[in-house]
Structure formats: structure tokens, C-alpha cells
Amino acid sequence: MCRLLPNQILLVDWASTTIPRTLVEAGFKVFCASPGGYSLVELVSEEAAGINSTDVFPPKQNENRPENEHEGIIANHVVPLGARVVWLQPSIASGTARRLGLEYGFDLVDGVDIAGAAR
């Protein structure tokens, strides 16, 4: 099983395309989770032909991920990849993630925008 390195970030859900872009520009190696596996985020000078951008990007801004999905995300991504930090974007709080952080030994950050912190 692969493990995340300190400069690597796995995005499971994000509020806008500026988040992965800002993290890559700040020097992080960013992966995104999808039902088919993980993909590496790369910045390119022009959009690839035949790509429908609505298939590439996550739900629109202000669509929240329900807290009942956090346990599955932690079980399927955080624990197997050995992630040491789970970061919940502002306006999302999770008693489930906090409890599992104590159980599995990862830190939980919430209330701080990840792209803003990376800048």
C-alpha cells in the first residue's frame, strides 16, 4: 500500500478548482480521489482536447459533503494512505472526523481555508 509523503495532499472533495491549483503552485504534489482511483493534479498551459470540464471538476461551490460520509472517507483513504492530517474546509465541521482522529492518531484542521493557508 502506498503512503502519502509530507509534501503530498489527497483531495477527496474541494470547493473550487482554485484549491488544487493553489496547492500545486505552492509546491505540493496533489492527488484527487475518484471512484476509479487516484489522479495526479498537473498544471497545463491549455485544456486537453475532448475533455468535458464538468466531468473533471467537483460539485459547485457551497455544496457540502455530509458528515455521514466522513467515516467512509477516513476508512477508505486516510487510514490506508497513512495520512497524518485531515483538513475540512471552512463551514464544514465533523464530530465524526474529530472522534476518528483521536482513534487513528491523525490531526484534524477545520475552520481554515487550505488554499489561503498554502498562499
PDB file of N, CA and C in Angstrom:
ATOM      1  N   MET A   1       0.848  -1.186   0.000  1.00  0.00           N
ATOM      2  CA  MET A   1       0.000   0.000   0.000  1.00  0.00           C
ATOM      3  C   MET A   1       0.885   1.239   0.000  1.00  0.00           C
ATOM      4  N   CYS A   2       0.583   2.181  -0.867  1.00  0.00           N
ATOM      5  CA  CYS A   2       1.333   3.443  -0.923  1.00  0.00           C
ATOM      6  C   CYS A   2       0.971   4.302   0.273  1.00  0.00           C
ATOM      7  N   ARG A   3       1.896   5.153   0.672  1.00  0.00           N
ATOM      8  CA  ARG A   3       1.677   6.066   1.780  1.00  0.00           C
ATOM      9  C   ARG A   3       1.899   7.486   1.270  1.00  0.00           C
ATOM     10  N   LEU A   4       1.156   8.419   1.820  1.00  0.00           N
ATOM     11  CA  LEU A   4       1.364   9.817   1.470  1.00  0.00           C
ATOM     12  C   LEU A   4       2.642  10.323   2.125  1.00  0.00           C
ATOM     13  N   LEU A   5       3.413  11.090   1.387  1.00  0.00           N
ATOM     14  CA  LEU A   5       4.619  11.722   1.909  1.00  0.00           C
ATOM     15  C   LEU A   5       4.258  13.106   2.445  1.00  0.00           C
ATOM     16  N   PRO A   6       5.133  13.712   3.256  1.00  0.00           N
ATOM     17  CA  PRO A   6       4.798  15.003   3.856  1.00  0.00           C
ATOM     18  C   PRO A   6       4.403  16.104   2.869  1.00  0.00           C
ATOM     19  N   ASN A   7       4.938  16.106   1.656  1.00  0.00           N
ATOM     20  CA  ASN A   7       4.599  17.170   0.696  1.00  0.00           C
ATOM     21  C   ASN A   7       3.451  16.777  -0.234  1.00  0.00           C
ATOM     22  N   GLN A   8       2.750  15.680   0.068  1.00  0.00           N
ATOM     23  CA  GLN A   8       1.670  15.203  -0.789  1.00  0.00           C
ATOM     24  C   GLN A   8       0.316  15.431  -0.124  1.00  0.00           C
ATOM     25  N   ILE A   9      -0.654  15.799  -0.956  1.00  0.00           N
ATOM     26  CA  ILE A   9      -2.015  16.065  -0.486  1.00  0.00           C
ATOM     27  C   ILE A   9      -2.986  15.262  -1.339  1.00  0.00           C
ATOM     28  N   LEU A  10      -3.933  14.614  -0.684  1.00  0.00           N
ATOM     29  CA  LEU A  10      -5.018  13.939  -1.383  1.00  0.00           C
ATOM     30  C   LEU A  10      -6.287  14.751  -1.161  1.00  0.00           C
ATOM     31  N   LEU A  11      -6.881  15.238  -2.251  1.00  0.00           N
ATOM     32  CA  LEU A  11      -8.155  15.944  -2.177  1.00  0.00           C
ATOM     33  C   LEU A  11      -9.270  14.956  -2.458  1.00  0.00           C
ATOM     34  N   VAL A  12     -10.194  14.848  -1.533  1.00  0.00           N
ATOM     35  CA  VAL A  12     -11.333  13.962  -1.727  1.00  0.00           C
ATOM     36  C   VAL A  12     -12.522  14.755  -2.231  1.00  0.00           C
ATOM     37  N   ASP A  13     -12.640  15.966  -1.809  1.00  0.00           N
ATOM     38  CA  ASP A  13     -13.704  16.854  -2.250  1.00  0.00           C
ATOM     39  C   ASP A  13     -13.174  18.267  -2.053  1.00  0.00           C
ATOM     40  N   TRP A  14     -13.501  19.170  -2.935  1.00  0.00           N
ATOM     41  CA  TRP A  14     -12.996  20.527  -2.792  1.00  0.00           C
ATOM     42  C   TRP A  14     -14.010  21.497  -3.351  1.00  0.00           C
ATOM     43  N   ALA A  15     -13.937  22.730  -2.837  1.00  0.00           N
ATOM     44  CA  ALA A  15     -14.959  23.729  -3.134  1.00  0.00           C
ATOM     45  C   ALA A  15     -14.827  24.370  -4.504  1.00  0.00           C
ATOM     46  N   SER A  16     -13.611  24.481  -5.034  1.00  0.00           N
ATOM     47  CA  SER A  16     -13.425  25.091  -6.343  1.00  0.00           C
ATOM     48  C   SER A  16     -12.107  24.618  -6.948  1.00  0.00           C
ATOM     49  N   THR A  17     -11.950  24.843  -8.240  1.00  0.00           N
ATOM     50  CA  THR A  17     -10.728  24.421  -8.924  1.00  0.00           C
ATOM     51  C   THR A  17      -9.516  25.235  -8.488  1.00  0.00           C
ATOM     52  N   THR A  18      -9.736  26.365  -7.821  1.00  0.00           N
ATOM     53  CA  THR A  18      -8.592  27.139  -7.342  1.00  0.00           C
ATOM     54  C   THR A  18      -7.843  26.410  -6.230  1.00  0.00           C
ATOM     55  N   ILE A  19      -8.493  25.506  -5.526  1.00  0.00           N
ATOM     56  CA  ILE A  19      -7.834  24.806  -4.420  1.00  0.00           C
ATOM     57  C   ILE A  19      -6.713  23.900  -4.928  1.00  0.00           C
ATOM     58  N   PRO A  20      -6.958  22.935  -5.828  1.00  0.00           N
ATOM     59  CA  PRO A  20      -5.825  22.123  -6.291  1.00  0.00           C
ATOM     60  C   PRO A  20      -4.764  22.953  -7.007  1.00  0.00           C
ATOM     61  N   ARG A  21      -5.181  23.954  -7.777  1.00  0.00           N
ATOM     62  CA  ARG A  21      -4.228  24.814  -8.499  1.00  0.00           C
ATOM     63  C   ARG A  21      -3.317  25.544  -7.510  1.00  0.00           C
ATOM     64  N   THR A  22      -3.880  26.140  -6.480  1.00  0.00           N
ATOM     65  CA  THR A  22      -3.096  26.882  -5.493  1.00  0.00           C
ATOM     66  C   THR A  22      -2.125  25.965  -4.769  1.00  0.00           C
ATOM     67  N   LEU A  23      -2.559  24.760  -4.438  1.00  0.00           N
ATOM     68  CA  LEU A  23      -1.687  23.818  -3.730  1.00  0.00           C
ATOM     69  C   LEU A  23      -0.515  23.375  -4.606  1.00  0.00           C
ATOM     70  N   VAL A  24      -0.777  23.116  -5.891  1.00  0.00           N
ATOM     71  CA  VAL A  24       0.303  22.744  -6.813  1.00  0.00           C
ATOM     72  C   VAL A  24       1.271  23.915  -6.973  1.00  0.00           C
ATOM     73  N   GLU A  25       0.737  25.119  -7.153  1.00  0.00           N
ATOM     74  CA  GLU A  25       1.595  26.294  -7.295  1.00  0.00           C
ATOM     75  C   GLU A  25       2.431  26.548  -6.041  1.00  0.00           C
ATOM     76  N   ALA A  26       1.948  26.100  -4.872  1.00  0.00           N
ATOM     77  CA  ALA A  26       2.686  26.273  -3.618  1.00  0.00           C
ATOM     78  C   ALA A  26       3.735  25.176  -3.420  1.00  0.00           C
ATOM     79  N   GLY A  27       3.816  24.238  -4.366  1.00  0.00           N
ATOM     80  CA  GLY A  27       4.862  23.224  -4.306  1.00  0.00           C
ATOM     81  C   GLY A  27       4.439  21.857  -3.794  1.00  0.00           C
ATOM     82  N   PHE A  28       3.147  21.662  -3.559  1.00  0.00           N
ATOM     83  CA  PHE A  28       2.670  20.363  -3.107  1.00  0.00           C
ATOM     84  C   PHE A  28       2.414  19.438  -4.295  1.00  0.00           C
ATOM     85  N   LYS A  29       2.550  18.155  -4.088  1.00  0.00           N
ATOM     86  CA  LYS A  29       2.147  17.151  -5.063  1.00  0.00           C
ATOM     87  C   LYS A  29       0.722  16.774  -4.669  1.00  0.00           C
ATOM     88  N   VAL A  30      -0.226  17.038  -5.550  1.00  0.00           N
ATOM     89  CA  VAL A  30      -1.642  16.911  -5.221  1.00  0.00           C
ATOM     90  C   VAL A  30      -2.273  15.774  -6.023  1.00  0.00           C
ATOM     91  N   PHE A  31      -3.013  14.936  -5.320  1.00  0.00           N
ATOM     92  CA  PHE A  31      -3.774  13.852  -5.930  1.00  0.00           C
ATOM     93  C   PHE A  31      -5.245  14.093  -5.633  1.00  0.00           C
ATOM     94  N   CYS A  32      -6.100  13.638  -6.522  1.00  0.00           N
ATOM     95  CA  CYS A  32      -7.538  13.709  -6.298  1.00  0.00           C
ATOM     96  C   CYS A  32      -8.098  12.299  -6.303  1.00  0.00           C
ATOM     97  N   ALA A  33      -9.033  12.067  -5.408  1.00  0.00           N
ATOM     98  CA  ALA A  33      -9.684  10.760  -5.319  1.00  0.00           C
ATOM     99  C   ALA A  33     -10.917  10.760  -6.207  1.00  0.00           C
ATOM    100  N   SER A  34     -11.143   9.636  -6.858  1.00  0.00           N
ATOM    101  CA  SER A  34     -12.343   9.450  -7.664  1.00  0.00           C
ATOM    102  C   SER A  34     -12.751   7.991  -7.518  1.00  0.00           C
ATOM    103  N   PRO A  35     -13.934   7.634  -7.967  1.00  0.00           N
ATOM    104  CA  PRO A  35     -14.352   6.239  -7.829  1.00  0.00           C
ATOM    105  C   PRO A  35     -13.392   5.245  -8.503  1.00  0.00           C
ATOM    106  N   GLY A  36     -12.678   5.699  -9.532  1.00  0.00           N
ATOM    107  CA  GLY A  36     -11.767   4.802 -10.238  1.00  0.00           C
ATOM    108  C   GLY A  36     -10.360   4.761  -9.682  1.00  0.00           C
ATOM    109  N   GLY A  37     -10.066   5.542  -8.655  1.00  0.00           N
ATOM    110  CA  GLY A  37      -8.726   5.554  -8.083  1.00  0.00           C
ATOM    111  C   GLY A  37      -8.262   6.962  -7.802  1.00  0.00           C
ATOM    112  N   TYR A  38      -6.960   7.179  -7.955  1.00  0.00           N
ATOM    113  CA  TYR A  38      -6.370   8.489  -7.673  1.00  0.00           C
ATOM    114  C   TYR A  38      -5.758   9.041  -8.952  1.00  0.00           C
ATOM    115  N   SER A  39      -5.799  10.368  -9.079  1.00  0.00           N
ATOM    116  CA  SER A  39      -5.161  11.008 -10.225  1.00  0.00           C
ATOM    117  C   SER A  39      -4.271  12.136  -9.726  1.00  0.00           C
ATOM    118  N   LEU A  40      -3.173  12.358 -10.429  1.00  0.00           N
ATOM    119  CA  LEU A  40      -2.229  13.412 -10.099  1.00  0.00           C
ATOM    120  C   LEU A  40      -2.689  14.713 -10.737  1.00  0.00           C
ATOM    121  N   VAL A  41      -2.677  15.790  -9.972  1.00  0.00           N
ATOM    122  CA  VAL A  41      -3.039  17.109 -10.491  1.00  0.00           C
ATOM    123  C   VAL A  41      -1.807  17.724 -11.125  1.00  0.00           C
ATOM    124  N   GLU A  42      -1.948  18.160 -12.358  1.00  0.00           N
ATOM    125  CA  GLU A  42      -0.871  18.833 -13.063  1.00  0.00           C
ATOM    126  C   GLU A  42      -1.421  20.105 -13.694  1.00  0.00           C
ATOM    127  N   LEU A  43      -0.606  21.141 -13.704  1.00  0.00           N
ATOM    128  CA  LEU A  43      -0.992  22.376 -14.374  1.00  0.00           C
ATOM    129  C   LEU A  43      -0.507  22.300 -15.817  1.00  0.00           C
ATOM    130  N   VAL A  44      -1.388  22.619 -16.744  1.00  0.00           N
ATOM    131  CA  VAL A  44      -1.038  22.583 -18.158  1.00  0.00           C
ATOM    132  C   VAL A  44      -1.330  23.954 -18.764  1.00  0.00           C
ATOM    133  N   SER A  45      -0.676  24.236 -19.878  1.00  0.00           N
ATOM    134  CA  SER A  45      -0.842  25.558 -20.482  1.00  0.00           C
ATOM    135  C   SER A  45      -2.158  25.694 -21.235  1.00  0.00           C
ATOM    136  N   GLU A  46      -2.720  24.579 -21.703  1.00  0.00           N
ATOM    137  CA  GLU A  46      -4.013  24.654 -22.393  1.00  0.00           C
ATOM    138  C   GLU A  46      -4.824  23.402 -22.115  1.00  0.00           C
ATOM    139  N   GLU A  47      -6.135  23.536 -22.212  1.00  0.00           N
ATOM    140  CA  GLU A  47      -7.051  22.441 -21.934  1.00  0.00           C
ATOM    141  C   GLU A  47      -6.885  21.336 -22.971  1.00  0.00           C
ATOM    142  N   ALA A  48      -6.891  20.103 -22.520  1.00  0.00           N
ATOM    143  CA  ALA A  48      -6.762  18.965 -23.432  1.00  0.00           C
ATOM    144  C   ALA A  48      -8.005  18.836 -24.305  1.00  0.00           C
ATOM    145  N   ALA A  49      -7.807  18.444 -25.553  1.00  0.00           N
ATOM    146  CA  ALA A  49      -8.918  18.268 -26.492  1.00  0.00           C
ATOM    147  C   ALA A  49      -9.807  17.120 -26.033  1.00  0.00           C
ATOM    148  N   GLY A  50     -11.098  17.281 -26.193  1.00  0.00           N
ATOM    149  CA  GLY A  50     -12.039  16.220 -25.898  1.00  0.00           C
ATOM    150  C   GLY A  50     -12.366  16.043 -24.421  1.00  0.00           C
ATOM    151  N   ILE A  51     -11.912  16.941 -23.574  1.00  0.00           N
ATOM    152  CA  ILE A  51     -12.191  16.848 -22.145  1.00  0.00           C
ATOM    153  C   ILE A  51     -13.382  17.732 -21.818  1.00  0.00           C
ATOM    154  N   ASN A  52     -14.364  17.151 -21.164  1.00  0.00           N
ATOM    155  CA  ASN A  52     -15.515  17.916 -20.697  1.00  0.00           C
ATOM    156  C   ASN A  52     -15.196  18.354 -19.269  1.00  0.00           C
ATOM    157  N   SER A  53     -14.963  19.645 -19.058  1.00  0.00           N
ATOM    158  CA  SER A  53     -14.539  20.128 -17.743  1.00  0.00           C
ATOM    159  C   SER A  53     -15.557  19.834 -16.652  1.00  0.00           C
ATOM    160  N   THR A  54     -16.826  19.609 -17.004  1.00  0.00           N
ATOM    161  CA  THR A  54     -17.805  19.267 -15.969  1.00  0.00           C
ATOM    162  C   THR A  54     -17.585  17.856 -15.446  1.00  0.00           C
ATOM    163  N   ASP A  55     -16.851  17.032 -16.188  1.00  0.00           N
ATOM    164  CA  ASP A  55     -16.522  15.684 -15.723  1.00  0.00           C
ATOM    165  C   ASP A  55     -15.256  15.675 -14.863  1.00  0.00           C
ATOM    166  N   VAL A  56     -14.460  16.732 -14.944  1.00  0.00           N
ATOM    167  CA  VAL A  56     -13.171  16.777 -14.268  1.00  0.00           C
ATOM    168  C   VAL A  56     -13.280  17.405 -12.901  1.00  0.00           C
ATOM    169  N   PHE A  57     -14.149  18.378 -12.743  1.00  0.00           N
ATOM    170  CA  PHE A  57     -14.185  19.154 -11.517  1.00  0.00           C
ATOM    171  C   PHE A  57     -15.308  18.703 -10.597  1.00  0.00           C
ATOM    172  N   PRO A  58     -15.161  18.992  -9.302  1.00  0.00           N
ATOM    173  CA  PRO A  58     -16.109  18.553  -8.297  1.00  0.00           C
ATOM    174  C   PRO A  58     -17.404  19.353  -8.324  1.00  0.00           C
ATOM    175  N   PRO A  59     -18.312  19.048  -7.401  1.00  0.00           N
ATOM    176  CA  PRO A  59     -19.569  19.803  -7.330  1.00  0.00           C
ATOM    177  C   PRO A  59     -19.331  21.304  -7.177  1.00  0.00           C
ATOM    178  N   LYS A  60     -20.346  22.069  -7.491  1.00  0.00           N
ATOM    179  CA  LYS A  60     -20.242  23.531  -7.423  1.00  0.00           C
ATOM    180  C   LYS A  60     -19.984  24.003  -5.993  1.00  0.00           C
ATOM    181  N   GLN A  61     -19.443  25.201  -5.901  1.00  0.00           N
ATOM    182  CA  GLN A  61     -19.136  25.794  -4.600  1.00  0.00           C
ATOM    183  C   GLN A  61     -20.387  25.810  -3.730  1.00  0.00           C
ATOM    184  N   ASN A  62     -20.191  25.669  -2.442  1.00  0.00           N
ATOM    185  CA  ASN A  62     -21.238  25.672  -1.416  1.00  0.00           C
ATOM    186  C   ASN A  62     -22.023  24.371  -1.347  1.00  0.00           C
ATOM    187  N   GLU A  63     -21.663  23.333  -2.126  1.00  0.00           N
ATOM    188  CA  GLU A  63     -22.269  22.030  -1.953  1.00  0.00           C
ATOM    189  C   GLU A  63     -21.459  21.312  -0.880  1.00  0.00           C
ATOM    190  N   ASN A  64     -22.071  21.027   0.240  1.00  0.00           N
ATOM    191  CA  ASN A  64     -21.350  20.420   1.362  1.00  0.00           C
ATOM    192  C   ASN A  64     -21.374  18.909   1.301  1.00  0.00           C
ATOM    193  N   ARG A  65     -20.278  18.299   1.745  1.00  0.00           N
ATOM    194  CA  ARG A  65     -20.223  16.857   1.880  1.00  0.00           C
ATOM    195  C   ARG A  65     -20.816  16.515   3.235  1.00  0.00           C
ATOM    196  N   PRO A  66     -21.853  15.664   3.266  1.00  0.00           N
ATOM    197  CA  PRO A  66     -22.483  15.336   4.544  1.00  0.00           C
ATOM    198  C   PRO A  66     -21.504  14.648   5.502  1.00  0.00           C
ATOM    199  N   GLU A  67     -21.675  14.952   6.782  1.00  0.00           N
ATOM    200  CA  GLU A  67     -20.797  14.370   7.790  1.00  0.00           C
ATOM    201  C   GLU A  67     -20.863  12.847   7.781  1.00  0.00           C
ATOM    202  N   ASN A  68     -21.988  12.264   7.393  1.00  0.00           N
ATOM    203  CA  ASN A  68     -22.081  10.800   7.405  1.00  0.00           C
ATOM    204  C   ASN A  68     -21.149  10.152   6.378  1.00  0.00           C
ATOM    205  N   GLU A  69     -20.560  10.931   5.467  1.00  0.00           N
ATOM    206  CA  GLU A  69     -19.585  10.392   4.515  1.00  0.00           C
ATOM    207  C   GLU A  69     -18.162  10.415   5.069  1.00  0.00           C
ATOM    208  N   HIS A  70     -17.931  11.170   6.134  1.00  0.00           N
ATOM    209  CA  HIS A  70     -16.571  11.315   6.661  1.00  0.00           C
ATOM    210  C   HIS A  70     -15.978   9.998   7.140  1.00  0.00           C
ATOM    211  N   GLU A  71     -16.774   9.164   7.783  1.00  0.00           N
ATOM    212  CA  GLU A  71     -16.247   7.889   8.269  1.00  0.00           C
ATOM    213  C   GLU A  71     -15.740   7.019   7.122  1.00  0.00           C
ATOM    214  N   GLY A  72     -16.472   6.963   6.020  1.00  0.00           N
ATOM    215  CA  GLY A  72     -16.040   6.198   4.848  1.00  0.00           C
ATOM    216  C   GLY A  72     -14.792   6.773   4.207  1.00  0.00           C
ATOM    217  N   ILE A  73     -14.710   8.089   4.135  1.00  0.00           N
ATOM    218  CA  ILE A  73     -13.521   8.739   3.571  1.00  0.00           C
ATOM    219  C   ILE A  73     -12.300   8.411   4.417  1.00  0.00           C
ATOM    220  N   ILE A  74     -12.459   8.473   5.721  1.00  0.00           N
ATOM    221  CA  ILE A  74     -11.340   8.174   6.622  1.00  0.00           C
ATOM    222  C   ILE A  74     -10.947   6.706   6.516  1.00  0.00           C
ATOM    223  N   ALA A  75     -11.930   5.815   6.478  1.00  0.00           N
ATOM    224  CA  ALA A  75     -11.634   4.375   6.389  1.00  0.00           C
ATOM    225  C   ALA A  75     -11.019   3.998   5.048  1.00  0.00           C
ATOM    226  N   ASN A  76     -11.472   4.631   3.959  1.00  0.00           N
ATOM    227  CA  ASN A  76     -11.028   4.244   2.621  1.00  0.00           C
ATOM    228  C   ASN A  76      -9.803   4.994   2.111  1.00  0.00           C
ATOM    229  N   HIS A  77      -9.515   6.156   2.677  1.00  0.00           N
ATOM    230  CA  HIS A  77      -8.409   6.970   2.165  1.00  0.00           C
ATOM    231  C   HIS A  77      -7.396   7.340   3.247  1.00  0.00           C
ATOM    232  N   VAL A  78      -7.860   7.942   4.325  1.00  0.00           N
ATOM    233  CA  VAL A  78      -6.964   8.477   5.349  1.00  0.00           C
ATOM    234  C   VAL A  78      -6.138   7.379   6.004  1.00  0.00           C
ATOM    235  N   VAL A  79      -6.804   6.365   6.520  1.00  0.00           N
ATOM    236  CA  VAL A  79      -6.101   5.298   7.241  1.00  0.00           C
ATOM    237  C   VAL A  79      -5.204   4.477   6.309  1.00  0.00           C
ATOM    238  N   PRO A  80      -5.697   3.980   5.165  1.00  0.00           N
ATOM    239  CA  PRO A  80      -4.819   3.173   4.303  1.00  0.00           C
ATOM    240  C   PRO A  80      -3.612   3.929   3.756  1.00  0.00           C
ATOM    241  N   LEU A  81      -3.757   5.240   3.524  1.00  0.00           N
ATOM    242  CA  LEU A  81      -2.650   6.026   2.979  1.00  0.00           C
ATOM    243  C   LEU A  81      -1.732   6.581   4.066  1.00  0.00           C
ATOM    244  N   GLY A  82      -2.082   6.352   5.312  1.00  0.00           N
ATOM    245  CA  GLY A  82      -1.253   6.827   6.410  1.00  0.00           C
ATOM    246  C   GLY A  82      -1.228   8.341   6.539  1.00  0.00           C
ATOM    247  N   ALA A  83      -2.319   8.985   6.142  1.00  0.00           N
ATOM    248  CA  ALA A  83      -2.381  10.444   6.243  1.00  0.00           C
ATOM    249  C   ALA A  83      -2.272  10.868   7.702  1.00  0.00           C
ATOM    250  N   ARG A  84      -1.560  11.951   7.924  1.00  0.00           N
ATOM    251  CA  ARG A  84      -1.355  12.429   9.293  1.00  0.00           C
ATOM    252  C   ARG A  84      -2.250  13.616   9.635  1.00  0.00           C
ATOM    253  N   VAL A  85      -2.867  14.217   8.604  1.00  0.00           N
ATOM    254  CA  VAL A  85      -3.733  15.371   8.834  1.00  0.00           C
ATOM    255  C   VAL A  85      -4.959  15.257   7.934  1.00  0.00           C
ATOM    256  N   VAL A  86      -6.128  15.549   8.476  1.00  0.00           N
ATOM    257  CA  VAL A  86      -7.357  15.690   7.704  1.00  0.00           C
ATOM    258  C   VAL A  86      -7.766  17.145   7.838  1.00  0.00           C
ATOM    259  N   TRP A  87      -8.017  17.775   6.700  1.00  0.00           N
ATOM    260  CA  TRP A  87      -8.339  19.193   6.674  1.00  0.00           C
ATOM    261  C   TRP A  87      -9.747  19.345   6.122  1.00  0.00           C
ATOM    262  N   LEU A  88     -10.639  19.884   6.922  1.00  0.00           N
ATOM    263  CA  LEU A  88     -12.005  20.149   6.477  1.00  0.00           C
ATOM    264  C   LEU A  88     -12.123  21.627   6.150  1.00  0.00           C
ATOM    265  N   GLN A  89     -12.602  21.928   4.951  1.00  0.00           N
ATOM    266  CA  GLN A  89     -12.746  23.323   4.533  1.00  0.00           C
ATOM    267  C   GLN A  89     -13.730  24.048   5.453  1.00  0.00           C
ATOM    268  N   PRO A  90     -13.600  25.380   5.573  1.00  0.00           N
ATOM    269  CA  PRO A  90     -14.489  26.158   6.440  1.00  0.00           C
ATOM    270  C   PRO A  90     -15.961  25.906   6.146  1.00  0.00           C
ATOM    271  N   SER A  91     -16.705  26.024   7.161  1.00  0.00           N
ATOM    272  CA  SER A  91     -18.142  25.778   7.274  1.00  0.00           C
ATOM    273  C   SER A  91     -18.445  24.298   7.414  1.00  0.00           C
ATOM    274  N   ILE A  92     -17.436  23.437   7.263  1.00  0.00           N
ATOM    275  CA  ILE A  92     -17.650  22.014   7.499  1.00  0.00           C
ATOM    276  C   ILE A  92     -16.984  21.676   8.824  1.00  0.00           C
ATOM    277  N   ALA A  93     -17.757  21.099   9.717  1.00  0.00           N
ATOM    278  CA  ALA A  93     -17.219  20.607  10.984  1.00  0.00           C
ATOM    279  C   ALA A  93     -17.673  19.164  11.107  1.00  0.00           C
ATOM    280  N   SER A  94     -16.935  18.377  11.846  1.00  0.00           N
ATOM    281  CA  SER A  94     -17.286  16.969  11.913  1.00  0.00           C
ATOM    282  C   SER A  94     -16.885  16.362  13.247  1.00  0.00           C
ATOM    283  N   GLY A  95     -17.890  16.059  14.047  1.00  0.00           N
ATOM    284  CA  GLY A  95     -17.636  15.324  15.280  1.00  0.00           C
ATOM    285  C   GLY A  95     -17.101  13.935  14.961  1.00  0.00           C
ATOM    286  N   THR A  96     -17.557  13.348  13.859  1.00  0.00           N
ATOM    287  CA  THR A  96     -17.082  12.028  13.439  1.00  0.00           C
ATOM    288  C   THR A  96     -15.590  12.078  13.119  1.00  0.00           C
ATOM    289  N   ALA A  97     -15.168  13.055  12.341  1.00  0.00           N
ATOM    290  CA  ALA A  97     -13.749  13.172  11.989  1.00  0.00           C
ATOM    291  C   ALA A  97     -12.905  13.444  13.232  1.00  0.00           C
ATOM    292  N   ARG A  98     -13.410  14.240  14.142  1.00  0.00           N
ATOM    293  CA  ARG A  98     -12.675  14.534  15.376  1.00  0.00           C
ATOM    294  C   ARG A  98     -12.498  13.255  16.205  1.00  0.00           C
ATOM    295  N   ARG A  99     -13.566  12.491  16.341  1.00  0.00           N
ATOM    296  CA  ARG A  99     -13.504  11.227  17.093  1.00  0.00           C
ATOM    297  C   ARG A  99     -12.538  10.246  16.436  1.00  0.00           C
ATOM    298  N   LEU A 100     -12.609  10.111  15.105  1.00  0.00           N
ATOM    299  CA  LEU A 100     -11.731   9.179  14.402  1.00  0.00           C
ATOM    300  C   LEU A 100     -10.279   9.655  14.407  1.00  0.00           C
ATOM    301  N   GLY A 101     -10.073  10.961  14.432  1.00  0.00           N
ATOM    302  CA  GLY A 101      -8.718  11.495  14.552  1.00  0.00           C
ATOM    303  C   GLY A 101      -8.076  11.045  15.850  1.00  0.00           C
ATOM    304  N   LEU A 102      -8.820  11.095  16.925  1.00  0.00           N
ATOM    305  CA  LEU A 102      -8.303  10.615  18.213  1.00  0.00           C
ATOM    306  C   LEU A 102      -8.050   9.109  18.167  1.00  0.00           C
ATOM    307  N   GLU A 103      -8.964   8.387  17.545  1.00  0.00           N
ATOM    308  CA  GLU A 103      -8.835   6.921  17.466  1.00  0.00           C
ATOM    309  C   GLU A 103      -7.651   6.486  16.606  1.00  0.00           C
ATOM    310  N   TYR A 104      -7.458   7.118  15.441  1.00  0.00           N
ATOM    311  CA  TYR A 104      -6.423   6.694  14.496  1.00  0.00           C
ATOM    312  C   TYR A 104      -5.150   7.533  14.557  1.00  0.00           C
ATOM    313  N   GLY A 105      -5.153   8.594  15.338  1.00  0.00           N
ATOM    314  CA  GLY A 105      -3.933   9.369  15.541  1.00  0.00           C
ATOM    315  C   GLY A 105      -3.585  10.358  14.448  1.00  0.00           C
ATOM    316  N   PHE A 106      -4.573  10.895  13.734  1.00  0.00           N
ATOM    317  CA  PHE A 106      -4.285  11.965  12.784  1.00  0.00           C
ATOM    318  C   PHE A 106      -4.808  13.277  13.350  1.00  0.00           C
ATOM    319  N   ASP A 107      -4.207  14.374  12.916  1.00  0.00           N
ATOM    320  CA  ASP A 107      -4.648  15.703  13.342  1.00  0.00           C
ATOM    321  C   ASP A 107      -5.800  16.154  12.461  1.00  0.00           C
ATOM    322  N   LEU A 108      -6.712  16.905  13.038  1.00  0.00           N
ATOM    323  CA  LEU A 108      -7.844  17.460  12.301  1.00  0.00           C
ATOM    324  C   LEU A 108      -7.733  18.978  12.290  1.00  0.00           C
ATOM    325  N   VAL A 109      -7.804  19.553  11.089  1.00  0.00           N
ATOM    326  CA  VAL A 109      -7.800  21.007  10.929  1.00  0.00           C
ATOM    327  C   VAL A 109      -9.144  21.383  10.331  1.00  0.00           C
ATOM    328  N   ASP A 110      -9.810  22.335  10.945  1.00  0.00           N
ATOM    329  CA  ASP A 110     -11.055  22.842  10.359  1.00  0.00           C
ATOM    330  C   ASP A 110     -11.153  24.342  10.627  1.00  0.00           C
ATOM    331  N   GLY A 111     -11.993  25.006   9.853  1.00  0.00           N
ATOM    332  CA  GLY A 111     -12.169  26.436  10.013  1.00  0.00           C
ATOM    333  C   GLY A 111     -11.122  27.307   9.335  1.00  0.00           C
ATOM    334  N   VAL A 112     -10.187  26.697   8.581  1.00  0.00           N
ATOM    335  CA  VAL A 112      -9.128  27.436   7.878  1.00  0.00           C
ATOM    336  C   VAL A 112      -9.138  26.985   6.419  1.00  0.00           C
ATOM    337  N   ASP A 113      -9.207  27.914   5.498  1.00  0.00           N
ATOM    338  CA  ASP A 113      -9.180  27.580   4.069  1.00  0.00           C
ATOM    339  C   ASP A 113      -7.807  27.071   3.678  1.00  0.00           C
ATOM    340  N   ILE A 114      -7.737  25.889   3.097  1.00  0.00           N
ATOM    341  CA  ILE A 114      -6.444  25.259   2.762  1.00  0.00           C
ATOM    342  C   ILE A 114      -5.684  26.053   1.697  1.00  0.00           C
ATOM    343  N   ALA A 115      -6.394  26.594   0.711  1.00  0.00           N
ATOM    344  CA  ALA A 115      -5.714  27.372  -0.334  1.00  0.00           C
ATOM    345  C   ALA A 115      -5.155  28.664   0.254  1.00  0.00           C
ATOM    346  N   GLY A 116      -5.903  29.290   1.140  1.00  0.00           N
ATOM    347  CA  GLY A 116      -5.427  30.503   1.789  1.00  0.00           C
ATOM    348  C   GLY A 116      -4.197  30.223   2.643  1.00  0.00           C
ATOM    349  N   ALA A 117      -4.193  29.118   3.333  1.00  0.00           N
ATOM    350  CA  ALA A 117      -3.041  28.751   4.170  1.00  0.00           C
ATOM    351  C   ALA A 117      -1.810  28.430   3.311  1.00  0.00           C
ATOM    352  N   ALA A 118      -2.024  27.867   2.120  1.00  0.00           N
ATOM    353  CA  ALA A 118      -0.903  27.500   1.242  1.00  0.00           C
ATOM    354  C   ALA A 118      -0.264  28.730   0.601  1.00  0.00           C
ATOM    355  N   ARG A 119      -1.051  29.796   0.454  1.00  0.00           N
ATOM    356  CA  ARG A 119      -0.511  31.006  -0.187  1.00  0.00           C
ATOM    357  C   ARG A 119       0.489  31.604   0.690  1.00  0.00           C
TER     358      ARG A 119
END
